[in-house]
C-alpha cells in the first residue's frame, strides 16, 4: 500500500507534517478530516516512471530563480493581494505556478512560516539570496502601513528599472567584446598558422631579417610553444586582482579608479547615482525611516567609495545635519545637481519625489553614456585590429620586398 506525505493543521492551529499509508489520496483526506484536521497539502508517492528526477545542485541551473523571476513573483503577488486574497492563500497559488523549483521551495517555507503566525517580512528574510534587505524592509513597511500590494508593485517596478539599467550596460559592452574576441582570434591564427610558414620560407632564402620580422617570429614561437606561460599569467592576474579587490584597501583603490577612468568612469558614476536615487527614493516613499533607508541604500551601492559617503551621510543625519550638506562635499561622485535637488526636497518636505526626478534624469544620462561608450570603443577596436594586422603584414612582407629587390639587381 502506498505511503502519502501530508501537511495539515489541528484544531489548535499547530502544523503537522507526517506520512500515512492508504489506498488512495482520497482515503488520506477522509482520514484527516475525521480527525478534525485542516488539510494544507497531500503528496502522492512517486516511484518507477513517475519518480521525480533531480539533478545535482551544481548541474540544476534551471531551478535557480533570477531577478526576473522575483520581479514576476512580486507583480503577481501584488495582483492577488489586491484582489482580496489572504497572504497564505496567495503564497500557495504562486507556489504552485512557480516554474523554478528554488523559488517554489522558498515560497512553500515562507507560507508555512506565515501560517504559524510569523510576519511575512520575517519569513522572506530567511532567504536573503532571493529577497535582499531592501525587499524585506519594503515588505515590512507595507505590512505596517496596510499597503502591501502597493509596495509590491513598487518593488516590481524598481526591479524592472534595475534590470533594464544592467541590460543597457551589458548590451553596450557585448558588441565591443565580440569584436575584441574576433580580433584576438584572427591575430592568434595569423601568428601561429601563417607566420611560421613565411618564417620557414625566409629561412630557406637566407639573408638578414628586419627587426620587425624578428620580433614577429619571436612572438609567433612564444604563442606556439610557450602559450601556457601567457595563460598562467592571465589566470594569475585574474585571481590576483580578485583577491586584492576582496581586501578593504583593494576595493577602495579599484573602485576609485573605476570612477576616474576616462571612458568608463562617467558611466560608473551615473549608474551609481541612478541606483542611489531609485533605491533611496523608493524606501522613503514606502515609509522606511531615513536612517534605515540610508543603511539599506549603502548596501546596494556596489561601490565602496559611494558606501563610505553614505556612511558619513548617515552619521551626519543622526547629528541633525541635512543629507545634501554631506553629498555636496563630494562633487566628483555626487555632482552639484544631486545635492541641490536634495536640498530643495529637504526644504519642501518632498525628498522622495526629488530623488525620483534625479533618478529619471540620470537614467537618461546612463543611456547617453552607454551610447558614448559604444561610439568610443568601436573605432578604438578597429584601430587596434588595424595595428595588429598591419604589424603582422609588415613583418611578413618587408623581407620579401628586400629579397625581390636583391634578385632584380
Protein backbone atom coordinates (compact mmCIF):
# COMPACT_ATOMS: atom_id res chain seq x y z
CA UNK A 1 0.00 0.00 0.00
CA UNK A 2 1.47 3.42 -0.96
CA UNK A 3 2.64 5.93 1.63
CA UNK A 4 1.43 9.55 1.29
CA UNK A 5 3.07 12.66 2.75
CA UNK A 6 0.73 15.26 4.15
CA UNK A 7 0.71 18.60 5.94
CA UNK A 8 -2.25 19.77 7.98
CA UNK A 9 -3.23 21.89 10.98
CA UNK A 10 -5.01 20.58 14.03
CA UNK A 11 -7.76 22.39 15.94
CA UNK A 12 -5.19 24.44 17.89
CA UNK A 13 -3.57 25.66 14.65
CA UNK A 14 -0.39 23.59 15.00
CA UNK A 15 1.16 22.50 11.70
CA UNK A 16 1.59 18.73 11.41
CA UNK A 17 3.78 17.13 8.73
CA UNK A 18 3.72 13.32 8.60
CA UNK A 19 3.05 10.29 6.40
CA UNK A 20 0.10 7.94 6.13
CA UNK A 21 -0.30 4.56 4.48
CA UNK A 22 -3.53 4.41 2.47
CA UNK A 23 -5.03 3.04 -0.73
CA UNK A 24 -5.57 6.47 -2.29
CA UNK A 25 -5.16 10.19 -1.74
CA UNK A 26 -8.91 10.45 -1.12
CA UNK A 27 -8.64 7.98 1.77
CA UNK A 28 -5.88 10.10 3.34
CA UNK A 29 -8.02 13.23 3.07
CA UNK A 30 -11.02 11.43 4.56
CA UNK A 31 -8.97 10.11 7.50
CA UNK A 32 -7.51 13.56 8.22
CA UNK A 33 -10.94 15.22 8.13
CA UNK A 34 -12.24 12.61 10.55
CA UNK A 35 -9.50 13.72 12.97
CA UNK A 36 -10.63 17.32 12.58
CA UNK A 37 -7.50 18.41 10.70
CA UNK A 38 -7.41 21.27 8.18
CA UNK A 39 -5.52 19.86 5.18
CA UNK A 40 -2.75 22.00 3.63
CA UNK A 41 -1.13 19.51 1.26
CA UNK A 42 -1.13 15.81 0.36
CA UNK A 43 1.69 14.44 -1.79
CA UNK A 44 1.20 11.26 -3.78
CA UNK A 45 4.10 8.77 -3.66
CA UNK A 46 6.45 8.85 -6.64
CA UNK A 47 8.12 5.68 -7.85
CA UNK A 48 9.15 3.97 -11.04
CA UNK A 49 8.48 6.03 -14.16
CA UNK A 50 6.62 8.63 -12.09
CA UNK A 51 9.56 9.27 -9.78
CA UNK A 52 10.91 12.78 -9.78
CA UNK A 53 14.33 13.02 -11.37
CA UNK A 54 16.55 15.52 -9.56
CA UNK A 55 19.88 16.71 -10.90
CA UNK A 56 22.75 17.56 -8.59
CA UNK A 57 22.51 21.17 -7.39
CA UNK A 58 25.64 22.19 -9.30
CA UNK A 59 24.03 20.97 -12.56
CA UNK A 60 20.47 22.11 -11.88
CA UNK A 61 20.85 25.59 -13.31
CA UNK A 62 17.22 25.83 -14.44
CA UNK A 63 15.87 25.61 -10.89
CA UNK A 64 17.70 28.70 -9.64
CA UNK A 65 15.48 31.78 -9.67
CA UNK A 66 16.89 35.03 -11.03
CA UNK A 67 15.91 38.68 -10.65
CA UNK A 68 13.32 38.34 -13.42
CA UNK A 69 11.59 35.51 -11.55
CA UNK A 70 11.47 37.58 -8.35
CA UNK A 71 10.10 40.56 -10.29
CA UNK A 72 7.33 38.44 -11.83
CA UNK A 73 6.54 36.97 -8.42
CA UNK A 74 6.29 40.45 -6.87
CA UNK A 75 3.95 41.66 -9.62
CA UNK A 76 1.74 38.56 -9.33
CA UNK A 77 1.78 38.70 -5.53
CA UNK A 78 0.59 42.33 -5.66
CA UNK A 79 -2.21 41.36 -8.07
CA UNK A 80 -3.63 38.54 -5.94
CA UNK A 81 -3.31 40.59 -2.72
CA UNK A 82 -5.11 43.48 -4.42
CA UNK A 83 -7.86 41.03 -5.46
CA UNK A 84 -8.59 40.44 -1.77
CA UNK A 85 -6.98 37.02 -1.25
CA UNK A 86 -5.26 36.34 2.10
CA UNK A 87 -1.46 36.23 2.15
CA UNK A 88 -1.29 32.48 2.87
CA UNK A 89 -3.65 31.60 0.03
CA UNK A 90 -1.81 33.98 -2.32
CA UNK A 91 1.52 32.32 -1.50
CA UNK A 92 0.00 28.87 -2.07
CA UNK A 93 -1.24 29.91 -5.53
CA UNK A 94 2.09 31.45 -6.53
CA UNK A 95 3.98 28.46 -5.14
CA UNK A 96 2.02 26.04 -7.32
CA UNK A 97 2.55 28.01 -10.52
CA UNK A 98 6.22 28.94 -9.99
CA UNK A 99 8.35 27.42 -12.79
CA UNK A 100 11.57 27.41 -10.70
CA UNK A 101 11.98 24.73 -8.03
CA UNK A 102 14.22 27.00 -5.94
CA UNK A 103 11.55 29.70 -5.73
CA UNK A 104 8.77 27.15 -5.27
CA UNK A 105 10.55 25.58 -2.29
CA UNK A 106 11.23 29.02 -0.75
CA UNK A 107 7.58 30.07 -1.13
CA UNK A 108 6.44 26.84 0.48
CA UNK A 109 8.60 27.52 3.54
CA UNK A 110 7.51 31.18 3.64
CA UNK A 111 3.86 30.09 3.53
CA UNK A 112 4.41 27.63 6.36
CA UNK A 113 6.05 30.34 8.49
CA UNK A 114 3.20 32.76 7.81
CA UNK A 115 0.71 30.04 8.73
CA UNK A 116 2.35 29.74 12.14
CA UNK A 117 1.85 33.47 12.72
CA UNK A 118 5.19 34.93 11.64
CA UNK A 119 5.17 38.26 9.75
CA UNK A 120 5.68 37.90 6.00
CA UNK A 121 8.80 40.08 6.11
CA UNK A 122 10.44 37.82 8.71
CA UNK A 123 9.65 34.75 6.64
CA UNK A 124 11.14 36.34 3.50
CA UNK A 125 14.25 37.41 5.42
CA UNK A 126 15.23 33.73 5.78
CA UNK A 127 16.02 33.67 2.03
CA UNK A 128 18.50 36.56 1.54
CA UNK A 129 19.64 35.28 -1.86
CA UNK A 130 16.11 35.74 -3.18
CA UNK A 131 14.82 38.60 -1.03
CA UNK A 132 17.52 41.07 -0.01
CA UNK A 133 17.37 43.63 2.81
CA UNK A 134 15.72 46.19 0.54
CA UNK A 135 12.93 43.76 -0.32
CA UNK A 136 12.39 42.72 3.31
CA UNK A 137 12.29 46.30 4.65
CA UNK A 138 9.84 47.37 1.97
CA UNK A 139 7.53 44.42 2.69
CA UNK A 140 7.75 45.25 6.39
CA UNK A 141 6.76 48.83 5.60
CA UNK A 142 3.84 47.51 3.54
CA UNK A 143 2.70 45.31 6.42
CA UNK A 144 2.79 48.22 8.88
CA UNK A 145 1.01 50.64 6.54
CA UNK A 146 -1.52 48.09 5.26
CA UNK A 147 -0.43 48.82 1.69
CA UNK A 148 1.34 45.55 0.89
CA UNK A 149 0.02 45.31 -2.68
CA UNK A 150 1.14 48.87 -3.48
CA UNK A 151 4.60 48.22 -2.01
CA UNK A 152 4.95 45.01 -4.04
CA UNK A 153 4.04 46.92 -7.20
CA UNK A 154 6.75 49.46 -6.41
CA UNK A 155 9.27 46.67 -5.77
CA UNK A 156 8.46 45.08 -9.13
CA UNK A 157 8.78 48.44 -10.94
CA UNK A 158 12.09 49.11 -9.16
CA UNK A 159 13.47 45.68 -10.08
CA UNK A 160 12.42 46.16 -13.69
CA UNK A 161 14.25 49.50 -13.80
CA UNK A 162 17.38 47.94 -12.29
CA UNK A 163 17.26 45.03 -14.74
CA UNK A 164 16.78 47.47 -17.64
CA UNK A 165 19.74 49.54 -16.49
CA UNK A 166 22.01 46.49 -16.24
CA UNK A 167 20.71 45.24 -19.59
CA UNK A 168 21.65 48.50 -21.34
CA UNK A 169 25.20 48.34 -19.99
CA UNK A 170 25.51 44.66 -20.88
CA UNK A 171 24.23 45.31 -24.40
CA UNK A 172 26.65 48.19 -24.86
CA UNK A 173 29.60 46.01 -23.90
CA UNK A 174 28.53 42.96 -25.91
CA UNK A 175 29.43 44.27 -29.38
CA UNK A 176 32.93 45.58 -28.46
CA UNK A 177 33.62 42.35 -26.58
CA UNK A 178 32.65 40.22 -29.60
CA UNK A 179 34.80 42.38 -31.91
CA UNK A 180 37.75 42.15 -29.50
CA UNK A 181 37.45 38.35 -29.24
CA UNK A 182 37.29 38.02 -33.04
CA UNK A 183 40.27 40.35 -33.44
CA UNK A 184 42.33 38.37 -30.94
CA UNK A 185 41.27 35.08 -32.60
CA UNK A 186 42.28 36.31 -36.06
CA UNK A 187 45.58 37.62 -34.71
CA UNK A 188 46.31 34.32 -32.98
CA UNK A 189 45.54 32.39 -36.18
CA UNK A 190 47.83 34.61 -38.23
CA UNK A 191 50.66 34.41 -35.69
CA UNK A 192 50.51 30.65 -35.14
CA UNK A 193 49.32 29.47 -38.56
CA UNK A 194 50.55 31.83 -41.27
CA UNK A 195 53.68 33.46 -39.81
CA UNK A 196 55.53 30.12 -39.22
CA UNK A 197 55.10 29.22 -42.90
CA UNK A 198 56.57 32.56 -44.00
CA UNK A 199 59.35 32.18 -41.45
CA UNK A 200 60.22 28.79 -42.95
CA UNK A 201 60.38 30.27 -46.45
CA UNK A 202 62.52 33.20 -45.27
CA UNK A 203 64.95 30.86 -43.50
CA UNK A 204 65.41 28.90 -46.73
CA UNK A 205 66.05 32.08 -48.71
CA UNK A 206 68.60 33.27 -46.16
CA UNK A 207 69.65 36.84 -45.53
CA UNK A 208 69.29 39.15 -42.57
CA UNK A 209 65.71 39.70 -41.43
CA UNK A 210 64.39 43.15 -40.44
CA UNK A 211 63.89 43.82 -36.70
CA UNK A 212 60.09 43.88 -37.07
CA UNK A 213 60.18 40.42 -38.68
CA UNK A 214 62.42 39.02 -35.94
CA UNK A 215 60.01 40.37 -33.29
CA UNK A 216 57.07 38.86 -35.19
CA UNK A 217 58.71 35.42 -35.39
CA UNK A 218 59.66 35.56 -31.70
CA UNK A 219 56.03 36.32 -30.75
CA UNK A 220 54.84 33.53 -33.04
CA UNK A 221 57.22 30.98 -31.47
CA UNK A 222 56.19 32.09 -27.97
CA UNK A 223 52.49 31.62 -28.72
CA UNK A 224 53.12 28.24 -30.37
CA UNK A 225 55.47 26.65 -27.84
CA UNK A 226 55.15 28.63 -24.61
CA UNK A 227 51.47 29.65 -24.67
CA UNK A 228 50.99 28.10 -21.22
CA UNK A 229 53.14 30.87 -19.69
CA UNK A 230 50.79 33.54 -21.07
CA UNK A 231 47.78 31.51 -19.96
CA UNK A 232 49.24 31.17 -16.46
CA UNK A 233 49.97 34.91 -16.24
CA UNK A 234 46.40 35.77 -17.28
CA UNK A 235 44.90 33.36 -14.72
CA UNK A 236 47.22 34.66 -12.02
CA UNK A 237 46.24 38.27 -12.83
CA UNK A 238 42.53 37.46 -12.69
CA UNK A 239 42.80 35.67 -9.35
CA UNK A 240 45.28 38.22 -8.01
CA UNK A 241 43.06 41.19 -8.84
CA UNK A 242 40.05 39.33 -7.44
CA UNK A 243 41.88 38.58 -4.17
CA UNK A 244 43.11 42.18 -3.93
CA UNK A 245 39.60 43.51 -4.55
CA UNK A 246 38.29 41.43 -1.65
CA UNK A 247 40.53 43.40 0.71
CA UNK A 248 39.35 46.73 2.09
CA UNK A 249 42.28 48.65 0.60
CA UNK A 250 41.88 46.87 -2.74
CA UNK A 251 38.20 47.80 -3.01
CA UNK A 252 38.99 51.44 -2.31
CA UNK A 253 41.78 51.55 -4.90
CA UNK A 254 39.88 49.75 -7.67
CA UNK A 255 36.50 51.42 -7.09
CA UNK A 256 38.15 54.86 -7.01
CA UNK A 257 39.99 54.00 -10.23
CA UNK A 258 36.73 52.92 -11.88
CA UNK A 259 35.18 56.30 -11.07
CA UNK A 260 38.16 58.16 -12.58
CA UNK A 261 38.59 56.21 -15.83
CA UNK A 262 38.16 58.50 -18.86
CA UNK A 263 35.52 56.44 -20.70
CA UNK A 264 34.08 54.04 -18.13
CA UNK A 265 34.24 56.46 -15.18
CA UNK A 266 31.25 58.66 -16.16
CA UNK A 267 29.16 55.56 -16.83
CA UNK A 268 30.03 54.06 -13.42
CA UNK A 269 29.29 57.38 -11.68
CA UNK A 270 25.95 57.95 -13.39
CA UNK A 271 24.87 54.36 -12.81
CA UNK A 272 25.72 54.68 -9.10
CA UNK A 273 23.72 57.92 -8.80
CA UNK A 274 20.72 56.40 -10.62
CA UNK A 275 20.83 53.35 -8.32
CA UNK A 276 21.19 55.53 -5.21
CA UNK A 277 18.31 57.83 -6.18
CA UNK A 278 15.99 54.99 -7.16
CA UNK A 279 16.66 52.92 -4.03
CA UNK A 280 16.70 55.77 -1.51
CA UNK A 281 13.60 57.39 -3.03
CA UNK A 282 11.68 54.10 -3.04
CA UNK A 283 12.48 53.42 0.61
CA UNK A 284 11.49 56.90 1.77
CA UNK A 285 8.30 56.86 -0.31
CA UNK A 286 7.38 53.48 1.21
CA UNK A 287 7.63 54.79 4.77
CA UNK A 288 11.00 53.36 5.86
CA UNK A 289 12.75 55.76 8.26
CA UNK A 290 15.63 57.80 6.90
CA UNK A 291 18.45 56.11 8.87
CA UNK A 292 17.41 52.61 7.81
CA UNK A 293 16.89 53.88 4.25
CA UNK A 294 20.46 55.19 4.07
CA UNK A 295 21.83 51.94 5.55
CA UNK A 296 19.94 49.78 3.04
CA UNK A 297 20.86 52.05 0.13
CA UNK A 298 24.51 51.81 1.19
CA UNK A 299 24.29 48.03 0.94
CA UNK A 300 23.07 48.23 -2.67
CA UNK A 301 25.57 50.89 -3.86
CA UNK A 302 28.04 48.45 -5.43
CA UNK A 303 30.94 50.88 -4.97
CA UNK A 304 32.79 51.27 -1.69
CA UNK A 305 33.51 54.98 -2.32
CA UNK A 306 29.76 55.62 -2.51
CA UNK A 307 29.26 53.38 0.55
CA UNK A 308 31.76 55.46 2.55
CA UNK A 309 29.98 58.68 1.59
CA UNK A 310 26.61 57.22 2.62
CA UNK A 311 28.08 56.04 5.94
CA UNK A 312 29.24 59.59 6.59
CA UNK A 313 25.80 60.84 5.49
CA UNK A 314 24.04 58.55 7.98
CA UNK A 315 26.26 59.77 10.81
CA UNK A 316 25.57 63.38 9.79
CA UNK A 317 21.80 62.82 9.73
CA UNK A 318 21.98 61.30 13.20
CA UNK A 319 23.68 64.54 14.32
CA UNK A 320 20.81 66.53 12.83
CA UNK A 321 22.51 67.65 9.61
CA UNK A 322 20.97 67.54 6.15
CA UNK A 323 21.76 64.85 3.59
CA UNK A 324 22.52 67.43 0.91
CA UNK A 325 25.26 69.03 3.05
CA UNK A 326 27.28 65.81 3.17
CA UNK A 327 26.80 64.90 -0.50
CA UNK A 328 27.84 68.43 -1.52
CA UNK A 329 31.32 67.70 -0.09
CA UNK A 330 31.90 65.07 -2.82
CA UNK A 331 31.15 66.74 -6.17
CA UNK A 332 33.27 64.21 -8.08
CA UNK A 333 30.89 61.42 -7.01
CA UNK A 334 27.64 63.35 -6.45
CA UNK A 335 27.51 66.36 -8.80
CA UNK A 336 26.02 69.67 -7.57
CA UNK A 337 22.73 68.82 -9.31
CA UNK A 338 22.14 65.93 -6.90
CA UNK A 339 22.88 67.87 -3.72
CA UNK A 340 20.89 70.89 -4.96
CA UNK A 341 17.82 68.82 -5.79
CA UNK A 342 18.06 67.08 -2.41
CA UNK A 343 18.39 70.44 -0.67
CA UNK A 344 15.18 71.64 -2.34
CA UNK A 345 13.46 68.40 -1.35
CA UNK A 346 14.56 68.79 2.26
CA UNK A 347 13.25 72.36 2.38
CA UNK A 348 9.88 71.46 0.82
CA UNK A 349 9.46 68.07 2.53
CA UNK A 350 9.48 66.19 -0.79
CA UNK A 351 12.82 64.37 -0.72
CA UNK A 352 11.38 61.16 -2.21
CA UNK A 353 9.84 62.92 -5.23
CA UNK A 354 13.05 64.89 -5.82
CA UNK A 355 15.03 61.66 -5.72
CA UNK A 356 12.74 60.14 -8.33
CA UNK A 357 13.38 63.16 -10.58
CA UNK A 358 17.13 62.78 -10.06
CA UNK A 359 16.84 59.05 -10.86
CA UNK A 360 14.91 59.76 -14.08
CA UNK A 361 17.49 62.34 -15.15
CA UNK A 362 20.47 60.07 -14.51
CA UNK A 363 18.80 57.10 -16.18
CA UNK A 364 18.71 59.23 -19.33
CA UNK A 365 22.32 60.20 -18.65
CA UNK A 366 23.23 56.49 -18.44
CA UNK A 367 21.64 55.96 -21.87
CA UNK A 368 23.80 58.75 -23.30
CA UNK A 369 26.91 57.45 -21.52
CA UNK A 370 26.28 53.97 -22.93
CA UNK A 371 25.96 55.43 -26.45
CA UNK A 372 29.16 57.43 -25.93
CA UNK A 373 30.98 54.36 -24.66
CA UNK A 374 29.92 52.31 -27.67
CA UNK A 375 30.85 55.13 -30.05
CA UNK A 376 34.31 55.43 -28.43
CA UNK A 377 35.06 51.71 -28.27
CA UNK A 378 34.17 50.82 -31.85
CA UNK A 379 36.82 52.99 -33.57
CA UNK A 380 39.34 52.13 -30.84
CA UNK A 381 38.89 48.42 -31.57
CA UNK A 382 39.11 49.00 -35.32
CA UNK A 383 42.37 50.92 -34.85
CA UNK A 384 43.69 48.15 -32.56
CA UNK A 385 42.85 45.47 -35.11
CA UNK A 386 44.39 47.57 -37.90
CA UNK A 387 47.64 47.99 -35.94
CA UNK A 388 47.89 44.27 -35.16
CA UNK A 389 47.16 43.17 -38.73
CA UNK A 390 49.41 45.91 -40.12
CA UNK A 391 52.27 44.80 -37.85
CA UNK A 392 51.87 41.18 -38.98
CA UNK A 393 51.64 42.09 -42.68
CA UNK A 394 54.66 44.42 -42.46
CA UNK A 395 56.68 41.80 -40.61
CA UNK A 396 55.94 39.19 -43.26
CA UNK A 397 56.26 41.22 -46.44
CA UNK A 398 59.15 43.61 -45.73
CA UNK A 399 61.78 40.86 -46.05
CA UNK A 400 60.03 39.60 -49.19
CA UNK A 401 60.34 43.06 -50.79
CA UNK A 402 64.04 43.11 -49.78
CA UNK A 403 64.70 39.72 -51.34
CA UNK A 404 62.83 40.65 -54.53
CA UNK A 405 64.89 43.86 -54.72
CA UNK A 406 68.14 41.89 -54.40
CA UNK A 407 67.07 39.42 -57.11
CA UNK A 408 66.19 42.22 -59.53
CA UNK A 409 69.69 43.76 -59.28
